[in-house]
Amino acid sequence: MLGAFVYVKIREDVPVSVLEIAQSIAKIKDVSEVMLTSGEWPIIVKINYETMTDLSNFVVSELSKIRGVGKTDTVVILDQIK
């Protein structure tokens, strides 16, 4: 199983809360963690996937459908030490 972090920005022109967006993301298959942060990216998602196509489908198809999701940045996990 492979993993990635997806950093999510919120669209300010859509009247939906960060919490509502995070809760919607948490319902998606293969999402293992959803974190709210105080940084530039208010939501960080950890996803487990089997192929790059799965990761691409998550970002392009699943995540982009959620109302209020803006820009995203995806970071692939190369190795986990602990």
PDB file of N, CA and C in Angstrom:
ATOM      1  N   MET A   1       0.849  -1.182   0.000  1.00  0.00           N
ATOM      2  CA  MET A   1       0.000   0.000   0.000  1.00  0.00           C
ATOM      3  C   MET A   1       0.889   1.238   0.000  1.00  0.00           C
ATOM      4  N   LEU A   2       0.557   2.190  -0.834  1.00  0.00           N
ATOM      5  CA  LEU A   2       1.293   3.447  -0.933  1.00  0.00           C
ATOM      6  C   LEU A   2       0.520   4.535  -0.204  1.00  0.00           C
ATOM      7  N   GLY A   3       1.187   5.644   0.077  1.00  0.00           N
ATOM      8  CA  GLY A   3       0.528   6.728   0.789  1.00  0.00           C
ATOM      9  C   GLY A   3       0.911   8.087   0.251  1.00  0.00           C
ATOM     10  N   ALA A   4       0.059   9.057   0.530  1.00  0.00           N
ATOM     11  CA  ALA A   4       0.322  10.437   0.132  1.00  0.00           C
ATOM     12  C   ALA A   4      -0.405  11.376   1.083  1.00  0.00           C
ATOM     13  N   PHE A   5       0.125  12.582   1.170  1.00  0.00           N
ATOM     14  CA  PHE A   5      -0.560  13.663   1.865  1.00  0.00           C
ATOM     15  C   PHE A   5      -1.095  14.608   0.802  1.00  0.00           C
ATOM     16  N   VAL A   6      -2.345  15.010   0.952  1.00  0.00           N
ATOM     17  CA  VAL A   6      -2.935  15.977   0.036  1.00  0.00           C
ATOM     18  C   VAL A   6      -3.297  17.207   0.858  1.00  0.00           C
ATOM     19  N   TYR A   7      -2.676  18.313   0.519  1.00  0.00           N
ATOM     20  CA  TYR A   7      -2.923  19.586   1.186  1.00  0.00           C
ATOM     21  C   TYR A   7      -4.064  20.278   0.449  1.00  0.00           C
ATOM     22  N   VAL A   8      -5.042  20.771   1.194  1.00  0.00           N
ATOM     23  CA  VAL A   8      -6.264  21.303   0.593  1.00  0.00           C
ATOM     24  C   VAL A   8      -6.503  22.742   1.035  1.00  0.00           C
ATOM     25  N   LYS A   9      -6.720  23.616   0.053  1.00  0.00           N
ATOM     26  CA  LYS A   9      -7.152  24.986   0.341  1.00  0.00           C
ATOM     27  C   LYS A   9      -8.655  25.071   0.126  1.00  0.00           C
ATOM     28  N   ILE A  10      -9.271  26.026   0.795  1.00  0.00           N
ATOM     29  CA  ILE A  10     -10.716  26.194   0.753  1.00  0.00           C
ATOM     30  C   ILE A  10     -11.064  27.382  -0.136  1.00  0.00           C
ATOM     31  N   ARG A  11     -12.085  27.209  -0.957  1.00  0.00           N
ATOM     32  CA  ARG A  11     -12.563  28.324  -1.784  1.00  0.00           C
ATOM     33  C   ARG A  11     -13.316  29.306  -0.888  1.00  0.00           C
ATOM     34  N   GLU A  12     -12.908  30.546  -0.944  1.00  0.00           N
ATOM     35  CA  GLU A  12     -13.541  31.556  -0.089  1.00  0.00           C
ATOM     36  C   GLU A  12     -14.881  32.027  -0.637  1.00  0.00           C
ATOM     37  N   ASP A  13     -15.143  31.760  -1.911  1.00  0.00           N
ATOM     38  CA  ASP A  13     -16.394  32.211  -2.525  1.00  0.00           C
ATOM     39  C   ASP A  13     -17.545  31.218  -2.331  1.00  0.00           C
ATOM     40  N   VAL A  14     -17.287  30.138  -1.626  1.00  0.00           N
ATOM     41  CA  VAL A  14     -18.315  29.118  -1.386  1.00  0.00           C
ATOM     42  C   VAL A  14     -18.640  29.100   0.109  1.00  0.00           C
ATOM     43  N   PRO A  15     -19.912  29.304   0.465  1.00  0.00           N
ATOM     44  CA  PRO A  15     -20.289  29.365   1.882  1.00  0.00           C
ATOM     45  C   PRO A  15     -20.398  27.982   2.534  1.00  0.00           C
ATOM     46  N   VAL A  16     -19.245  27.394   2.811  1.00  0.00           N
ATOM     47  CA  VAL A  16     -19.202  26.099   3.480  1.00  0.00           C
ATOM     48  C   VAL A  16     -18.015  26.132   4.443  1.00  0.00           C
ATOM     49  N   SER A  17     -18.170  25.521   5.600  1.00  0.00           N
ATOM     50  CA  SER A  17     -17.112  25.595   6.611  1.00  0.00           C
ATOM     51  C   SER A  17     -16.001  24.585   6.339  1.00  0.00           C
ATOM     52  N   VAL A  18     -14.848  24.868   6.898  1.00  0.00           N
ATOM     53  CA  VAL A  18     -13.707  23.958   6.791  1.00  0.00           C
ATOM     54  C   VAL A  18     -14.075  22.604   7.393  1.00  0.00           C
ATOM     55  N   LEU A  19     -14.775  22.612   8.508  1.00  0.00           N
ATOM     56  CA  LEU A  19     -15.178  21.368   9.161  1.00  0.00           C
ATOM     57  C   LEU A  19     -16.093  20.534   8.263  1.00  0.00           C
ATOM     58  N   GLU A  20     -17.049  21.181   7.603  1.00  0.00           N
ATOM     59  CA  GLU A  20     -17.953  20.456   6.703  1.00  0.00           C
ATOM     60  C   GLU A  20     -17.185  19.812   5.549  1.00  0.00           C
ATOM     61  N   ILE A  21     -16.225  20.539   5.011  1.00  0.00           N
ATOM     62  CA  ILE A  21     -15.411  20.002   3.922  1.00  0.00           C
ATOM     63  C   ILE A  21     -14.597  18.817   4.425  1.00  0.00           C
ATOM     64  N   ALA A  22     -13.973  18.967   5.579  1.00  0.00           N
ATOM     65  CA  ALA A  22     -13.167  17.885   6.153  1.00  0.00           C
ATOM     66  C   ALA A  22     -14.015  16.643   6.406  1.00  0.00           C
ATOM     67  N   GLN A  23     -15.223  16.829   6.898  1.00  0.00           N
ATOM     68  CA  GLN A  23     -16.109  15.689   7.156  1.00  0.00           C
ATOM     69  C   GLN A  23     -16.501  14.986   5.859  1.00  0.00           C
ATOM     70  N   SER A  24     -16.698  15.748   4.799  1.00  0.00           N
ATOM     71  CA  SER A  24     -17.007  15.149   3.495  1.00  0.00           C
ATOM     72  C   SER A  24     -15.823  14.356   2.965  1.00  0.00           C
ATOM     73  N   ILE A  25     -14.633  14.908   3.121  1.00  0.00           N
ATOM     74  CA  ILE A  25     -13.423  14.213   2.670  1.00  0.00           C
ATOM     75  C   ILE A  25     -13.239  12.914   3.446  1.00  0.00           C
ATOM     76  N   ALA A  26     -13.517  12.946   4.736  1.00  0.00           N
ATOM     77  CA  ALA A  26     -13.323  11.771   5.595  1.00  0.00           C
ATOM     78  C   ALA A  26     -14.183  10.582   5.169  1.00  0.00           C
ATOM     79  N   LYS A  27     -15.254  10.824   4.450  1.00  0.00           N
ATOM     80  CA  LYS A  27     -16.150   9.751   4.007  1.00  0.00           C
ATOM     81  C   LYS A  27     -15.635   9.016   2.770  1.00  0.00           C
ATOM     82  N   ILE A  28     -14.613   9.554   2.123  1.00  0.00           N
ATOM     83  CA  ILE A  28     -14.107   8.957   0.883  1.00  0.00           C
ATOM     84  C   ILE A  28     -13.279   7.715   1.199  1.00  0.00           C
ATOM     85  N   LYS A  29     -13.515   6.676   0.418  1.00  0.00           N
ATOM     86  CA  LYS A  29     -12.765   5.419   0.558  1.00  0.00           C
ATOM     87  C   LYS A  29     -11.273   5.709   0.413  1.00  0.00           C
ATOM     88  N   ASP A  30     -10.472   5.017   1.148  1.00  0.00           N
ATOM     89  CA  ASP A  30      -9.009   5.102   1.129  1.00  0.00           C
ATOM     90  C   ASP A  30      -8.434   6.304   1.880  1.00  0.00           C
ATOM     91  N   VAL A  31      -9.279   7.203   2.383  1.00  0.00           N
ATOM     92  CA  VAL A  31      -8.782   8.301   3.217  1.00  0.00           C
ATOM     93  C   VAL A  31      -8.550   7.736   4.610  1.00  0.00           C
ATOM     94  N   SER A  32      -7.320   7.848   5.100  1.00  0.00           N
ATOM     95  CA  SER A  32      -7.026   7.294   6.424  1.00  0.00           C
ATOM     96  C   SER A  32      -7.021   8.355   7.518  1.00  0.00           C
ATOM     97  N   GLU A  33      -6.710   9.600   7.162  1.00  0.00           N
ATOM     98  CA  GLU A  33      -6.686  10.678   8.156  1.00  0.00           C
ATOM     99  C   GLU A  33      -7.082  11.990   7.489  1.00  0.00           C
ATOM    100  N   VAL A  34      -7.773  12.830   8.253  1.00  0.00           N
ATOM    101  CA  VAL A  34      -8.088  14.189   7.814  1.00  0.00           C
ATOM    102  C   VAL A  34      -7.760  15.102   8.981  1.00  0.00           C
ATOM    103  N   MET A  35      -6.866  16.056   8.741  1.00  0.00           N
ATOM    104  CA  MET A  35      -6.405  16.940   9.811  1.00  0.00           C
ATOM    105  C   MET A  35      -6.731  18.395   9.484  1.00  0.00           C
ATOM    106  N   LEU A  36      -7.200  19.127  10.480  1.00  0.00           N
ATOM    107  CA  LEU A  36      -7.395  20.566  10.349  1.00  0.00           C
ATOM    108  C   LEU A  36      -6.154  21.243  10.894  1.00  0.00           C
ATOM    109  N   THR A  37      -5.640  22.228  10.164  1.00  0.00           N
ATOM    110  CA  THR A  37      -4.409  22.893  10.589  1.00  0.00           C
ATOM    111  C   THR A  37      -4.593  24.403  10.644  1.00  0.00           C
ATOM    112  N   SER A  38      -3.616  25.049  11.237  1.00  0.00           N
ATOM    113  CA  SER A  38      -3.644  26.507  11.334  1.00  0.00           C
ATOM    114  C   SER A  38      -2.771  27.150  10.264  1.00  0.00           C
ATOM    115  N   GLY A  39      -2.218  26.373   9.403  1.00  0.00           N
ATOM    116  CA  GLY A  39      -1.284  26.878   8.404  1.00  0.00           C
ATOM    117  C   GLY A  39      -1.948  27.342   7.123  1.00  0.00           C
ATOM    118  N   GLU A  40      -1.120  27.456   6.104  1.00  0.00           N
ATOM    119  CA  GLU A  40      -1.562  27.915   4.789  1.00  0.00           C
ATOM    120  C   GLU A  40      -2.589  26.961   4.176  1.00  0.00           C
ATOM    121  N   TRP A  41      -2.474  25.682   4.507  1.00  0.00           N
ATOM    122  CA  TRP A  41      -3.382  24.646   4.006  1.00  0.00           C
ATOM    123  C   TRP A  41      -4.260  24.201   5.176  1.00  0.00           C
ATOM    124  N   PRO A  42      -5.520  24.636   5.244  1.00  0.00           N
ATOM    125  CA  PRO A  42      -6.349  24.344   6.407  1.00  0.00           C
ATOM    126  C   PRO A  42      -6.717  22.874   6.596  1.00  0.00           C
ATOM    127  N   ILE A  43      -6.602  22.082   5.521  1.00  0.00           N
ATOM    128  CA  ILE A  43      -6.899  20.652   5.633  1.00  0.00           C
ATOM    129  C   ILE A  43      -5.745  19.859   5.034  1.00  0.00           C
ATOM    130  N   ILE A  44      -5.311  18.837   5.767  1.00  0.00           N
ATOM    131  CA  ILE A  44      -4.324  17.893   5.241  1.00  0.00           C
ATOM    132  C   ILE A  44      -4.953  16.509   5.307  1.00  0.00           C
ATOM    133  N   VAL A  45      -4.895  15.813   4.179  1.00  0.00           N
ATOM    134  CA  VAL A  45      -5.506  14.491   4.056  1.00  0.00           C
ATOM    135  C   VAL A  45      -4.409  13.459   3.839  1.00  0.00           C
ATOM    136  N   LYS A  46      -4.488  12.347   4.558  1.00  0.00           N
ATOM    137  CA  LYS A  46      -3.589  11.224   4.288  1.00  0.00           C
ATOM    138  C   LYS A  46      -4.409  10.160   3.582  1.00  0.00           C
ATOM    139  N   ILE A  47      -3.922   9.723   2.433  1.00  0.00           N
ATOM    140  CA  ILE A  47      -4.632   8.722   1.643  1.00  0.00           C
ATOM    141  C   ILE A  47      -3.735   7.521   1.412  1.00  0.00           C
ATOM    142  N   ASN A  48      -4.336   6.351   1.424  1.00  0.00           N
ATOM    143  CA  ASN A  48      -3.648   5.116   1.058  1.00  0.00           C
ATOM    144  C   ASN A  48      -4.160   4.709  -0.316  1.00  0.00           C
ATOM    145  N   TYR A  49      -3.265   4.281  -1.185  1.00  0.00           N
ATOM    146  CA  TYR A  49      -3.665   3.913  -2.541  1.00  0.00           C
ATOM    147  C   TYR A  49      -2.758   2.800  -3.046  1.00  0.00           C
ATOM    148  N   GLU A  50      -3.189   2.142  -4.103  1.00  0.00           N
ATOM    149  CA  GLU A  50      -2.413   1.029  -4.647  1.00  0.00           C
ATOM    150  C   GLU A  50      -1.641   1.415  -5.901  1.00  0.00           C
ATOM    151  N   THR A  51      -2.194   2.303  -6.718  1.00  0.00           N
ATOM    152  CA  THR A  51      -1.522   2.708  -7.957  1.00  0.00           C
ATOM    153  C   THR A  51      -1.573   4.225  -8.095  1.00  0.00           C
ATOM    154  N   MET A  52      -0.727   4.756  -8.958  1.00  0.00           N
ATOM    155  CA  MET A  52      -0.752   6.200  -9.220  1.00  0.00           C
ATOM    156  C   MET A  52      -2.090   6.601  -9.834  1.00  0.00           C
ATOM    157  N   THR A  53      -2.700   5.697 -10.574  1.00  0.00           N
ATOM    158  CA  THR A  53      -4.027   5.973 -11.135  1.00  0.00           C
ATOM    159  C   THR A  53      -5.045   6.166 -10.019  1.00  0.00           C
ATOM    160  N   ASP A  54      -4.961   5.348  -8.967  1.00  0.00           N
ATOM    161  CA  ASP A  54      -5.853   5.510  -7.811  1.00  0.00           C
ATOM    162  C   ASP A  54      -5.663   6.881  -7.168  1.00  0.00           C
ATOM    163  N   LEU A  55      -4.417   7.289  -7.001  1.00  0.00           N
ATOM    164  CA  LEU A  55      -4.130   8.596  -6.405  1.00  0.00           C
ATOM    165  C   LEU A  55      -4.667   9.710  -7.291  1.00  0.00           C
ATOM    166  N   SER A  56      -4.416   9.601  -8.580  1.00  0.00           N
ATOM    167  CA  SER A  56      -4.904  10.600  -9.527  1.00  0.00           C
ATOM    168  C   SER A  56      -6.425  10.688  -9.498  1.00  0.00           C
ATOM    169  N   ASN A  57      -7.093   9.552  -9.488  1.00  0.00           N
ATOM    170  CA  ASN A  57      -8.561   9.545  -9.430  1.00  0.00           C
ATOM    171  C   ASN A  57      -9.073  10.198  -8.156  1.00  0.00           C
ATOM    172  N   PHE A  58      -8.393   9.961  -7.043  1.00  0.00           N
ATOM    173  CA  PHE A  58      -8.800  10.580  -5.786  1.00  0.00           C
ATOM    174  C   PHE A  58      -8.751  12.103  -5.897  1.00  0.00           C
ATOM    175  N   VAL A  59      -7.620  12.617  -6.375  1.00  0.00           N
ATOM    176  CA  VAL A  59      -7.448  14.074  -6.436  1.00  0.00           C
ATOM    177  C   VAL A  59      -8.341  14.695  -7.508  1.00  0.00           C
ATOM    178  N   VAL A  60      -8.326  14.124  -8.699  1.00  0.00           N
ATOM    179  CA  VAL A  60      -9.029  14.725  -9.834  1.00  0.00           C
ATOM    180  C   VAL A  60     -10.535  14.479  -9.787  1.00  0.00           C
ATOM    181  N   SER A  61     -10.940  13.287  -9.418  1.00  0.00           N
ATOM    182  CA  SER A  61     -12.366  12.947  -9.466  1.00  0.00           C
ATOM    183  C   SER A  61     -13.081  13.095  -8.130  1.00  0.00           C
ATOM    184  N   GLU A  62     -12.541  12.483  -7.086  1.00  0.00           N
ATOM    185  CA  GLU A  62     -13.230  12.474  -5.794  1.00  0.00           C
ATOM    186  C   GLU A  62     -13.134  13.809  -5.055  1.00  0.00           C
ATOM    187  N   LEU A  63     -11.919  14.268  -4.850  1.00  0.00           N
ATOM    188  CA  LEU A  63     -11.693  15.471  -4.046  1.00  0.00           C
ATOM    189  C   LEU A  63     -12.273  16.713  -4.714  1.00  0.00           C
ATOM    190  N   SER A  64     -12.112  16.812  -6.017  1.00  0.00           N
ATOM    191  CA  SER A  64     -12.580  18.006  -6.724  1.00  0.00           C
ATOM    192  C   SER A  64     -14.101  18.127  -6.748  1.00  0.00           C
ATOM    193  N   LYS A  65     -14.822  17.049  -6.476  1.00  0.00           N
ATOM    194  CA  LYS A  65     -16.289  17.078  -6.447  1.00  0.00           C
ATOM    195  C   LYS A  65     -16.833  17.713  -5.174  1.00  0.00           C
ATOM    196  N   ILE A  66     -16.011  17.794  -4.151  1.00  0.00           N
ATOM    197  CA  ILE A  66     -16.488  18.284  -2.857  1.00  0.00           C
ATOM    198  C   ILE A  66     -16.608  19.803  -2.889  1.00  0.00           C
ATOM    199  N   ARG A  67     -17.784  20.255  -2.551  1.00  0.00           N
ATOM    200  CA  ARG A  67     -18.086  21.685  -2.565  1.00  0.00           C
ATOM    201  C   ARG A  67     -17.169  22.424  -1.596  1.00  0.00           C
ATOM    202  N   GLY A  68     -16.483  23.447  -2.103  1.00  0.00           N
ATOM    203  CA  GLY A  68     -15.620  24.263  -1.268  1.00  0.00           C
ATOM    204  C   GLY A  68     -14.149  23.936  -1.372  1.00  0.00           C
ATOM    205  N   VAL A  69     -13.817  22.792  -1.983  1.00  0.00           N
ATOM    206  CA  VAL A  69     -12.404  22.438  -2.151  1.00  0.00           C
ATOM    207  C   VAL A  69     -11.810  23.318  -3.243  1.00  0.00           C
ATOM    208  N   GLY A  70     -10.692  23.947  -2.914  1.00  0.00           N
ATOM    209  CA  GLY A  70      -9.988  24.789  -3.875  1.00  0.00           C
ATOM    210  C   GLY A  70      -8.733  24.106  -4.367  1.00  0.00           C
ATOM    211  N   LYS A  71      -7.649  24.819  -4.312  1.00  0.00           N
ATOM    212  CA  LYS A  71      -6.358  24.305  -4.768  1.00  0.00           C
ATOM    213  C   LYS A  71      -5.891  23.160  -3.869  1.00  0.00           C
ATOM    214  N   THR A  72      -5.200  22.196  -4.488  1.00  0.00           N
ATOM    215  CA  THR A  72      -4.614  21.096  -3.719  1.00  0.00           C
ATOM    216  C   THR A  72      -3.149  20.931  -4.098  1.00  0.00           C
ATOM    217  N   ASP A  73      -2.406  20.331  -3.203  1.00  0.00           N
ATOM    218  CA  ASP A  73      -1.004  19.987  -3.456  1.00  0.00           C
ATOM    219  C   ASP A  73      -0.795  18.586  -2.893  1.00  0.00           C
ATOM    220  N   THR A  74      -0.267  17.695  -3.711  1.00  0.00           N
ATOM    221  CA  THR A  74      -0.113  16.300  -3.318  1.00  0.00           C
ATOM    222  C   THR A  74       1.353  15.958  -3.121  1.00  0.00           C
ATOM    223  N   VAL A  75       1.650  15.327  -1.989  1.00  0.00           N
ATOM    224  CA  VAL A  75       3.014  14.915  -1.655  1.00  0.00           C
ATOM    225  C   VAL A  75       3.002  13.405  -1.439  1.00  0.00           C
ATOM    226  N   VAL A  76       3.744  12.685  -2.271  1.00  0.00           N
ATOM    227  CA  VAL A  76       3.810  11.228  -2.177  1.00  0.00           C
ATOM    228  C   VAL A  76       4.793  10.836  -1.074  1.00  0.00           C
ATOM    229  N   ILE A  77       4.391   9.886  -0.240  1.00  0.00           N
ATOM    230  CA  ILE A  77       5.263   9.376   0.821  1.00  0.00           C
ATOM    231  C   ILE A  77       6.227   8.368   0.202  1.00  0.00           C
ATOM    232  N   LEU A  78       7.522   8.636   0.307  1.00  0.00           N
ATOM    233  CA  LEU A  78       8.535   7.749  -0.255  1.00  0.00           C
ATOM    234  C   LEU A  78       8.905   6.624   0.696  1.00  0.00           C
ATOM    235  N   ASP A  79       8.975   6.946   1.991  1.00  0.00           N
ATOM    236  CA  ASP A  79       9.353   5.951   2.987  1.00  0.00           C
ATOM    237  C   ASP A  79       8.856   6.430   4.340  1.00  0.00           C
ATOM    238  N   GLN A  80       8.510   5.505   5.204  1.00  0.00           N
ATOM    239  CA  GLN A  80       8.071   5.851   6.553  1.00  0.00           C
ATOM    240  C   GLN A  80       9.053   5.236   7.537  1.00  0.00           C
ATOM    241  N   ILE A  81       9.684   6.071   8.338  1.00  0.00           N
ATOM    242  CA  ILE A  81      10.698   5.625   9.287  1.00  0.00           C
ATOM    243  C   ILE A  81      10.058   5.099  10.568  1.00  0.00           C
ATOM    244  N   LYS A  82       9.043   5.782  11.037  1.00  0.00           N
ATOM    245  CA  LYS A  82       8.368   5.359  12.267  1.00  0.00           C
ATOM    246  C   LYS A  82       6.873   5.505  12.111  1.00  0.00           C
TER     247      LYS A  82
END
